[in-house]
Amino acid sequence: MTKIAIIGVGRWGVHLLRNFLAHPQADVVAVVDPHPERLAVVKQQFNLDESILLTTQFSDLRQIPELSAVAIATPATTHYHLIQDALKGGYHVLAEKPLTLDPTECEELCQLAQHQQLILMVDHTYLFHPAVEEGQAVVQAGKLGELRYGYAARTHLGPVRQDVDALWDLAIHDIAIFNNWLGQVPVSVQATGTVWLQGGSSGRDGGDEGESFSSSPLPSQKSAGLADLVWVTLTYPDGFKEYIHLCWLNTDKQRRLAVVGSHGTLIFDEMSPSAKLTLLHGEFERQKNLFIPVNQSREVLELKSGEPLQRVCDRFITSILQNTPPEISSGWVGTELVKILSALTASLNQGGQIIPIQNSKFKIQN
């Protein structure tokens, strides 16, 4: 049994609490949030036992001698110090994405976890989605033929963040999926954006969990404003390119991602109620100077059942009990994604300049 504390019970933290309360090998012994009213709400909502410590102070966790793990769901700007304190305290850590907002800090935390022989896992929930797992199998099996390019759209009307722009809020999901499917990471990136709602020097304290814990906008985003629309281009070592459309000011809500190959297109459409993962077969047959479409068909792929976040929580607990690093969503995976987002921010601030990504020893695990 793993004794675990939940840090932050805002919008996402309550789902972590729900899943760990239901896990047969997890024992939630504490909940931390700086807002007493939130603690009161979750106590009533989940009918928490009186033995569970409800506190506004992270330092109070030291009162629990058998505590072995924490799940952190606080604004990204608070992650570094919270995770560092947890690792130094001897706790395994599951952190909400992004790991931090600085690649150097991410690497430092990964090295600290290794030195302490502790699990550091990032909650990249999409990597545990049945459609993403099946999609990786399809791509890696070569069913699409020669890969051509990829594209994605993640748009909606709010919520509008006040600590990070649409790039940091939305792009990490699609980049994580593309990296996972391709088994590689980009070598260069490019981004352009448009600011409508929050111009230069805008933004206030906030984060993934609303006003939980103190946080502030990225310095580079404070001066430039927070982009509401961002266009992203990622280039991979083999020349594969992916294009991502991000916007939180668009009533056309989309959660759609595709990889195009010489033999067909694989589409992950999260908004589809009955066909979340579809393989569109088709290719060209050349007849003299003409290219004739042939072998066209549509295949809706069957998916395993299960809540992705439940799988995240289960993998975290299993990794602790078996002392096996969670390669699919390790701290190093989170570090690589933060490195990509940081390079994209540099491109955005430089008007769309192509930014190379520093070589890394990290390899995507398949």
Protein backbone atom coordinates (compact mmCIF):
# COMPACT_ATOMS: atom_id res chain seq x y z
CA MET A 1 0.00 0.00 0.00
CA THR A 2 1.34 3.42 -1.02
CA LYS A 3 0.54 6.32 1.29
CA ILE A 4 0.02 9.41 -0.87
CA ALA A 5 -0.83 13.10 -0.43
CA ILE A 6 -2.66 15.22 -3.00
CA ILE A 7 -1.26 18.74 -3.41
CA GLY A 8 -3.83 21.09 -4.93
CA VAL A 9 -7.52 20.18 -5.29
CA GLY A 10 -8.68 22.67 -7.88
CA ARG A 11 -10.11 21.79 -11.30
CA TRP A 12 -7.73 18.89 -12.02
CA GLY A 13 -6.60 17.96 -8.54
CA VAL A 14 -10.07 16.72 -7.57
CA HIS A 15 -9.85 14.13 -10.35
CA LEU A 16 -6.50 12.92 -9.06
CA LEU A 17 -7.99 12.70 -5.57
CA ARG A 18 -10.97 10.71 -6.89
CA ASN A 19 -8.75 8.21 -8.69
CA PHE A 20 -6.29 7.67 -5.86
CA LEU A 21 -9.13 7.23 -3.36
CA ALA A 22 -10.46 4.45 -5.60
CA HIS A 23 -7.11 2.75 -6.21
CA PRO A 24 -6.79 -0.50 -4.24
CA GLN A 25 -3.07 -0.01 -3.60
CA ALA A 26 -3.15 3.69 -2.73
CA ASP A 27 -3.94 5.17 0.66
CA VAL A 28 -4.68 8.90 0.56
CA VAL A 29 -3.47 10.22 3.90
CA ALA A 30 -3.38 13.99 3.27
CA VAL A 31 -4.78 16.74 1.07
CA VAL A 32 -3.04 20.11 0.79
CA ASP A 33 -4.55 23.29 -0.63
CA PRO A 34 -4.04 26.93 0.45
CA HIS A 35 -7.80 27.55 0.36
CA PRO A 36 -9.63 26.10 3.39
CA GLU A 37 -12.94 26.27 1.53
CA ARG A 38 -11.62 23.84 -1.08
CA LEU A 39 -10.57 21.42 1.61
CA ALA A 40 -14.05 21.63 3.09
CA VAL A 41 -15.64 20.97 -0.30
CA VAL A 42 -13.58 17.85 -1.07
CA LYS A 43 -14.08 16.53 2.45
CA GLN A 44 -17.82 16.62 1.92
CA GLN A 45 -17.74 15.61 -1.75
CA PHE A 46 -15.69 12.47 -1.13
CA ASN A 47 -16.79 11.84 2.45
CA LEU A 48 -13.16 11.83 3.54
CA ASP A 49 -12.24 9.93 6.66
CA GLU A 50 -11.33 11.98 9.72
CA SER A 51 -7.89 10.34 9.69
CA ILE A 52 -6.96 12.14 6.43
CA LEU A 53 -4.96 15.29 7.14
CA LEU A 54 -6.48 18.39 5.51
CA THR A 55 -4.02 21.27 5.58
CA THR A 56 -3.12 24.51 3.86
CA GLN A 57 0.62 23.98 4.43
CA PHE A 58 2.87 21.65 2.43
CA SER A 59 5.29 21.51 5.38
CA ASP A 60 2.63 19.76 7.48
CA LEU A 61 3.24 16.59 5.47
CA ARG A 62 6.33 16.00 7.57
CA GLN A 63 3.93 14.97 10.34
CA ILE A 64 3.19 11.77 8.39
CA PRO A 65 6.20 9.47 8.85
CA GLU A 66 4.99 6.75 6.44
CA LEU A 67 4.10 9.10 3.58
CA SER A 68 5.86 7.88 0.43
CA ALA A 69 4.35 9.81 -2.51
CA VAL A 70 2.70 13.08 -3.55
CA ALA A 71 0.58 14.07 -6.52
CA ILE A 72 1.03 17.74 -7.42
CA ALA A 73 -1.74 19.59 -9.28
CA THR A 74 -0.83 23.23 -8.80
CA PRO A 75 0.07 26.04 -11.26
CA ALA A 76 3.16 25.26 -13.31
CA THR A 77 5.06 28.21 -11.86
CA THR A 78 4.93 26.54 -8.43
CA HIS A 79 6.10 23.11 -9.62
CA TYR A 80 9.86 23.48 -9.33
CA HIS A 81 10.04 24.27 -5.63
CA LEU A 82 7.22 21.91 -4.65
CA ILE A 83 8.72 18.99 -6.58
CA GLN A 84 12.22 19.77 -5.32
CA ASP A 85 11.01 19.84 -1.72
CA ALA A 86 9.09 16.60 -2.21
CA LEU A 87 12.05 14.75 -3.72
CA LYS A 88 14.41 16.02 -1.04
CA GLY A 89 11.85 14.85 1.51
CA GLY A 90 12.03 11.35 0.08
CA TYR A 91 8.65 11.32 -1.70
CA HIS A 92 7.88 9.86 -5.12
CA VAL A 93 6.23 12.55 -7.29
CA LEU A 94 3.45 12.62 -9.86
CA ALA A 95 3.29 16.17 -11.25
CA GLU A 96 0.67 17.78 -13.43
CA LYS A 97 2.04 18.97 -16.78
CA PRO A 98 4.18 20.83 -17.63
CA LEU A 99 6.89 19.56 -15.30
CA THR A 100 8.16 23.16 -14.90
CA LEU A 101 8.44 26.14 -17.23
CA ASP A 102 12.24 25.90 -17.53
CA PRO A 103 14.11 23.00 -19.21
CA THR A 104 17.12 23.49 -16.92
CA GLU A 105 14.91 23.15 -13.85
CA CYS A 106 13.31 20.05 -15.37
CA GLU A 107 16.68 18.38 -15.91
CA GLU A 108 17.74 19.26 -12.39
CA LEU A 109 14.62 17.63 -10.95
CA CYS A 110 15.11 14.49 -13.07
CA GLN A 111 18.69 14.19 -11.87
CA LEU A 112 17.59 14.76 -8.28
CA ALA A 113 14.98 12.00 -8.59
CA GLN A 114 17.61 9.64 -9.95
CA HIS A 115 20.02 10.52 -7.16
CA GLN A 116 17.30 9.95 -4.56
CA GLN A 117 16.19 6.76 -6.34
CA LEU A 118 12.63 8.08 -6.52
CA ILE A 119 9.94 8.01 -9.18
CA LEU A 120 9.30 11.32 -10.98
CA MET A 121 6.35 11.04 -13.35
CA VAL A 122 4.45 13.71 -15.28
CA ASP A 123 0.71 13.51 -15.81
CA HIS A 124 0.64 13.62 -19.61
CA THR A 125 -2.80 12.04 -19.58
CA TYR A 126 -3.17 11.74 -23.36
CA LEU A 127 -0.27 9.28 -23.49
CA PHE A 128 -2.52 6.87 -21.58
CA HIS A 129 -5.57 7.40 -23.80
CA PRO A 130 -6.59 4.14 -25.52
CA ALA A 131 -6.75 5.95 -28.88
CA VAL A 132 -3.19 7.22 -28.50
CA GLU A 133 -1.92 3.79 -27.47
CA GLU A 134 -3.60 2.15 -30.47
CA GLY A 135 -2.48 4.97 -32.76
CA GLN A 136 1.14 4.41 -31.80
CA ALA A 137 0.78 0.73 -32.67
CA VAL A 138 -0.68 1.59 -36.09
CA VAL A 139 2.06 4.09 -36.96
CA GLN A 140 4.92 1.94 -35.66
CA ALA A 141 3.59 -1.08 -37.60
CA GLY A 142 3.97 0.87 -40.85
CA LYS A 143 0.29 0.68 -41.78
CA LEU A 144 0.37 4.24 -43.12
CA GLY A 145 3.25 3.51 -45.49
CA GLU A 146 5.83 6.27 -45.90
CA LEU A 147 4.95 9.05 -43.49
CA ARG A 148 4.29 12.40 -45.19
CA TYR A 149 3.26 14.97 -42.56
CA GLY A 150 1.00 15.54 -39.56
CA TYR A 151 -1.46 18.19 -38.48
CA ALA A 152 -3.60 19.00 -35.46
CA ALA A 153 -6.18 21.54 -34.29
CA ARG A 154 -6.93 22.32 -30.65
CA THR A 155 -9.43 25.18 -30.51
CA HIS A 156 -12.26 26.29 -28.24
CA LEU A 157 -13.91 29.35 -26.71
CA GLY A 158 -12.14 29.62 -23.36
CA PRO A 159 -11.09 29.18 -20.72
CA VAL A 160 -8.61 32.00 -21.32
CA ARG A 161 -5.53 31.58 -19.15
CA GLN A 162 -3.90 34.56 -17.45
CA ASP A 163 -0.55 33.01 -16.57
CA VAL A 164 0.49 31.43 -19.90
CA ASP A 165 -0.50 31.83 -23.56
CA ALA A 166 -2.38 29.44 -25.83
CA LEU A 167 0.91 27.80 -26.79
CA TRP A 168 1.79 26.66 -23.27
CA ASP A 169 -1.82 25.91 -22.41
CA LEU A 170 -2.67 23.73 -25.42
CA ALA A 171 0.30 22.62 -27.53
CA ILE A 172 1.84 20.16 -25.09
CA HIS A 173 -0.94 17.61 -25.65
CA ASP A 174 -0.53 17.30 -29.41
CA ILE A 175 3.27 17.46 -29.30
CA ALA A 176 3.29 14.64 -26.73
CA ILE A 177 1.06 12.51 -28.98
CA PHE A 178 3.09 13.16 -32.14
CA ASN A 179 6.36 12.38 -30.33
CA ASN A 180 4.83 9.20 -28.95
CA TRP A 181 3.52 8.03 -32.32
CA LEU A 182 6.71 8.86 -34.21
CA GLY A 183 9.12 7.64 -31.57
CA GLN A 184 11.29 10.74 -31.97
CA VAL A 185 11.51 14.39 -30.96
CA PRO A 186 11.78 17.52 -33.15
CA VAL A 187 15.11 19.01 -34.18
CA SER A 188 13.71 22.47 -34.97
CA VAL A 189 10.52 24.44 -34.34
CA GLN A 190 8.73 27.54 -35.54
CA ALA A 191 5.77 29.49 -34.12
CA THR A 192 3.78 32.61 -34.96
CA GLY A 193 0.94 34.06 -32.97
CA THR A 194 -1.66 36.79 -32.55
CA VAL A 195 -2.67 38.64 -29.38
CA TRP A 196 -6.19 40.03 -29.10
CA LEU A 197 -7.32 39.85 -25.47
CA GLN A 198 -4.30 40.40 -23.22
CA GLY A 199 -1.66 42.77 -24.54
CA GLY A 200 1.80 43.54 -23.17
CA SER A 201 2.34 43.54 -19.41
CA SER A 202 -0.99 41.77 -18.91
CA GLY A 203 -1.63 38.69 -16.86
CA ARG A 204 -2.11 38.06 -13.18
CA ASP A 205 -1.45 35.30 -10.71
CA GLY A 206 -3.12 32.06 -11.65
CA GLY A 207 -2.57 28.62 -13.11
CA ASP A 208 -4.05 25.24 -13.84
CA GLU A 209 -5.81 25.33 -10.52
CA GLY A 210 -7.13 28.91 -10.62
CA GLU A 211 -5.75 30.95 -7.73
CA SER A 212 -4.28 27.94 -5.86
CA PHE A 213 -0.71 28.66 -4.72
CA SER A 214 1.20 31.75 -5.84
CA SER A 215 2.29 32.02 -9.46
CA SER A 216 3.03 34.59 -12.13
CA PRO A 217 3.20 34.78 -15.93
CA LEU A 218 6.36 33.84 -17.81
CA PRO A 219 8.58 36.96 -18.01
CA SER A 220 8.77 36.73 -21.82
CA GLN A 221 4.99 36.60 -22.01
CA LYS A 222 4.43 39.48 -19.61
CA SER A 223 6.00 41.97 -22.01
CA ALA A 224 4.80 40.51 -25.29
CA GLY A 225 1.27 39.74 -24.19
CA LEU A 226 -0.44 36.36 -24.18
CA ALA A 227 -1.05 34.95 -27.65
CA ASP A 228 -4.64 33.84 -28.22
CA LEU A 229 -3.84 32.18 -31.56
CA VAL A 230 -0.67 30.24 -32.30
CA TRP A 231 0.50 28.35 -35.39
CA VAL A 232 3.21 25.76 -34.76
CA THR A 233 5.53 23.88 -37.10
CA LEU A 234 7.75 21.07 -35.81
CA THR A 235 10.43 19.35 -37.90
CA TYR A 236 11.71 15.89 -36.97
CA PRO A 237 15.08 14.24 -37.71
CA ASP A 238 13.72 12.30 -40.70
CA GLY A 239 12.19 15.44 -42.26
CA PHE A 240 8.63 14.74 -41.07
CA LYS A 241 6.76 17.96 -40.30
CA GLU A 242 3.71 18.56 -38.18
CA TYR A 243 1.51 21.65 -38.14
CA ILE A 244 -0.60 22.62 -35.13
CA HIS A 245 -3.39 25.22 -34.88
CA LEU A 246 -4.02 26.47 -31.33
CA CYS A 247 -6.67 28.98 -30.25
CA TRP A 248 -8.83 29.60 -27.19
CA LEU A 249 -10.85 32.27 -29.00
CA ASN A 250 -12.67 30.05 -31.48
CA THR A 251 -16.22 28.74 -31.14
CA ASP A 252 -15.35 25.83 -33.46
CA LYS A 253 -14.19 23.41 -30.76
CA GLN A 254 -11.71 20.91 -32.15
CA ARG A 255 -9.54 18.21 -30.63
CA ARG A 256 -8.28 16.57 -33.79
CA LEU A 257 -4.92 15.17 -34.81
CA ALA A 258 -3.80 13.26 -37.91
CA VAL A 259 -0.76 11.61 -39.46
CA VAL A 260 -0.70 11.28 -43.24
CA GLY A 261 1.18 8.52 -45.03
CA SER A 262 1.50 7.14 -48.53
CA HIS A 263 -1.12 4.45 -47.79
CA GLY A 264 -3.60 6.37 -45.68
CA THR A 265 -4.33 8.81 -42.86
CA LEU A 266 -4.75 8.06 -39.16
CA ILE A 267 -7.11 10.46 -37.37
CA PHE A 268 -7.60 10.88 -33.62
CA ASP A 269 -10.78 12.94 -33.14
CA GLU A 270 -11.48 13.30 -29.45
CA MET A 271 -14.77 15.07 -30.12
CA SER A 272 -16.23 12.18 -32.12
CA PRO A 273 -18.67 10.15 -29.98
CA SER A 274 -18.30 6.92 -31.97
CA ALA A 275 -15.10 7.11 -34.05
CA LYS A 276 -12.28 8.52 -31.95
CA LEU A 277 -9.58 6.72 -33.95
CA THR A 278 -10.11 6.24 -37.68
CA LEU A 279 -7.83 4.86 -40.36
CA LEU A 280 -8.65 6.18 -43.84
CA HIS A 281 -7.05 3.81 -46.31
CA GLY A 282 -6.12 5.05 -49.78
CA GLU A 283 -3.23 5.61 -52.15
CA PHE A 284 -2.44 6.66 -55.71
CA GLU A 285 -2.00 4.45 -58.72
CA ARG A 286 -0.18 6.12 -61.57
CA GLN A 287 -1.66 5.71 -65.03
CA LYS A 288 0.58 7.53 -67.50
CA ASN A 289 0.43 11.17 -66.39
CA LEU A 290 -2.53 10.67 -64.07
CA PHE A 291 -2.65 9.82 -60.36
CA ILE A 292 -5.74 7.72 -59.66
CA PRO A 293 -6.96 7.20 -56.05
CA VAL A 294 -7.32 3.47 -55.28
CA ASN A 295 -7.94 1.12 -52.33
CA GLN A 296 -10.01 3.69 -50.48
CA SER A 297 -11.88 2.62 -47.36
CA ARG A 298 -12.68 3.82 -43.85
CA GLU A 299 -11.86 1.75 -40.78
CA VAL A 300 -12.97 2.73 -37.28
CA LEU A 301 -10.47 1.14 -34.90
CA GLU A 302 -11.65 -0.60 -31.75
CA LEU A 303 -10.24 0.77 -28.51
CA LYS A 304 -9.77 -0.57 -25.02
CA SER A 305 -12.01 0.86 -22.33
CA GLY A 306 -10.79 2.80 -19.33
CA GLU A 307 -10.29 6.35 -18.07
CA PRO A 308 -6.86 7.70 -19.12
CA LEU A 309 -6.28 9.45 -15.79
CA GLN A 310 -7.06 6.23 -13.93
CA ARG A 311 -4.32 4.60 -16.02
CA VAL A 312 -1.93 7.41 -15.12
CA CYS A 313 -2.56 6.93 -11.42
CA ASP A 314 -2.26 3.17 -11.71
CA ARG A 315 1.04 3.43 -13.59
CA PHE A 316 2.40 5.77 -10.90
CA ILE A 317 1.49 3.40 -8.07
CA THR A 318 2.77 0.38 -9.99
CA SER A 319 6.06 2.14 -10.73
CA ILE A 320 6.52 2.83 -7.01
CA LEU A 321 5.66 -0.69 -5.89
CA GLN A 322 7.80 -2.35 -8.56
CA ASN A 323 10.56 0.28 -8.50
CA THR A 324 10.35 0.66 -12.29
CA PRO A 325 10.58 4.12 -13.94
CA PRO A 326 7.43 5.05 -15.95
CA GLU A 327 9.17 5.45 -19.30
CA ILE A 328 6.04 6.49 -21.21
CA SER A 329 5.60 9.66 -19.11
CA SER A 330 8.77 10.01 -17.05
CA GLY A 331 10.31 13.24 -15.88
CA TRP A 332 12.63 13.02 -18.89
CA VAL A 333 9.65 12.88 -21.26
CA GLY A 334 8.26 15.97 -19.53
CA THR A 335 11.64 17.68 -19.79
CA GLU A 336 11.80 17.12 -23.54
CA LEU A 337 8.34 18.63 -23.98
CA VAL A 338 9.26 21.70 -21.91
CA LYS A 339 12.40 22.09 -24.02
CA ILE A 340 10.23 22.09 -27.18
CA LEU A 341 7.77 24.60 -25.73
CA SER A 342 10.62 26.88 -24.66
CA ALA A 343 12.05 26.82 -28.18
CA LEU A 344 8.59 27.58 -29.59
CA THR A 345 8.29 30.54 -27.22
CA ALA A 346 11.64 31.83 -28.49
CA SER A 347 10.39 31.52 -32.07
CA LEU A 348 7.12 33.26 -31.18
CA ASN A 349 8.99 36.16 -29.54
CA GLN A 350 11.28 36.45 -32.59
CA GLY A 351 8.45 36.72 -35.10
CA GLY A 352 8.53 33.14 -36.33
CA GLN A 353 12.25 32.44 -36.58
CA ILE A 354 13.17 28.77 -36.92
CA ILE A 355 14.75 27.65 -33.65
CA PRO A 356 16.94 24.52 -33.49
CA ILE A 357 16.48 22.28 -30.47
CA GLN A 358 19.57 21.31 -28.56
CA ASN A 359 20.57 17.69 -29.04
CA SER A 360 19.42 15.41 -26.26
CA LYS A 361 20.42 11.93 -25.17
CA PHE A 362 16.77 11.27 -24.44
CA LYS A 363 14.92 8.81 -26.66
CA ILE A 364 11.17 8.33 -26.88
CA GLN A 365 10.24 4.92 -25.51
CA ASN A 366 7.99 2.70 -27.65
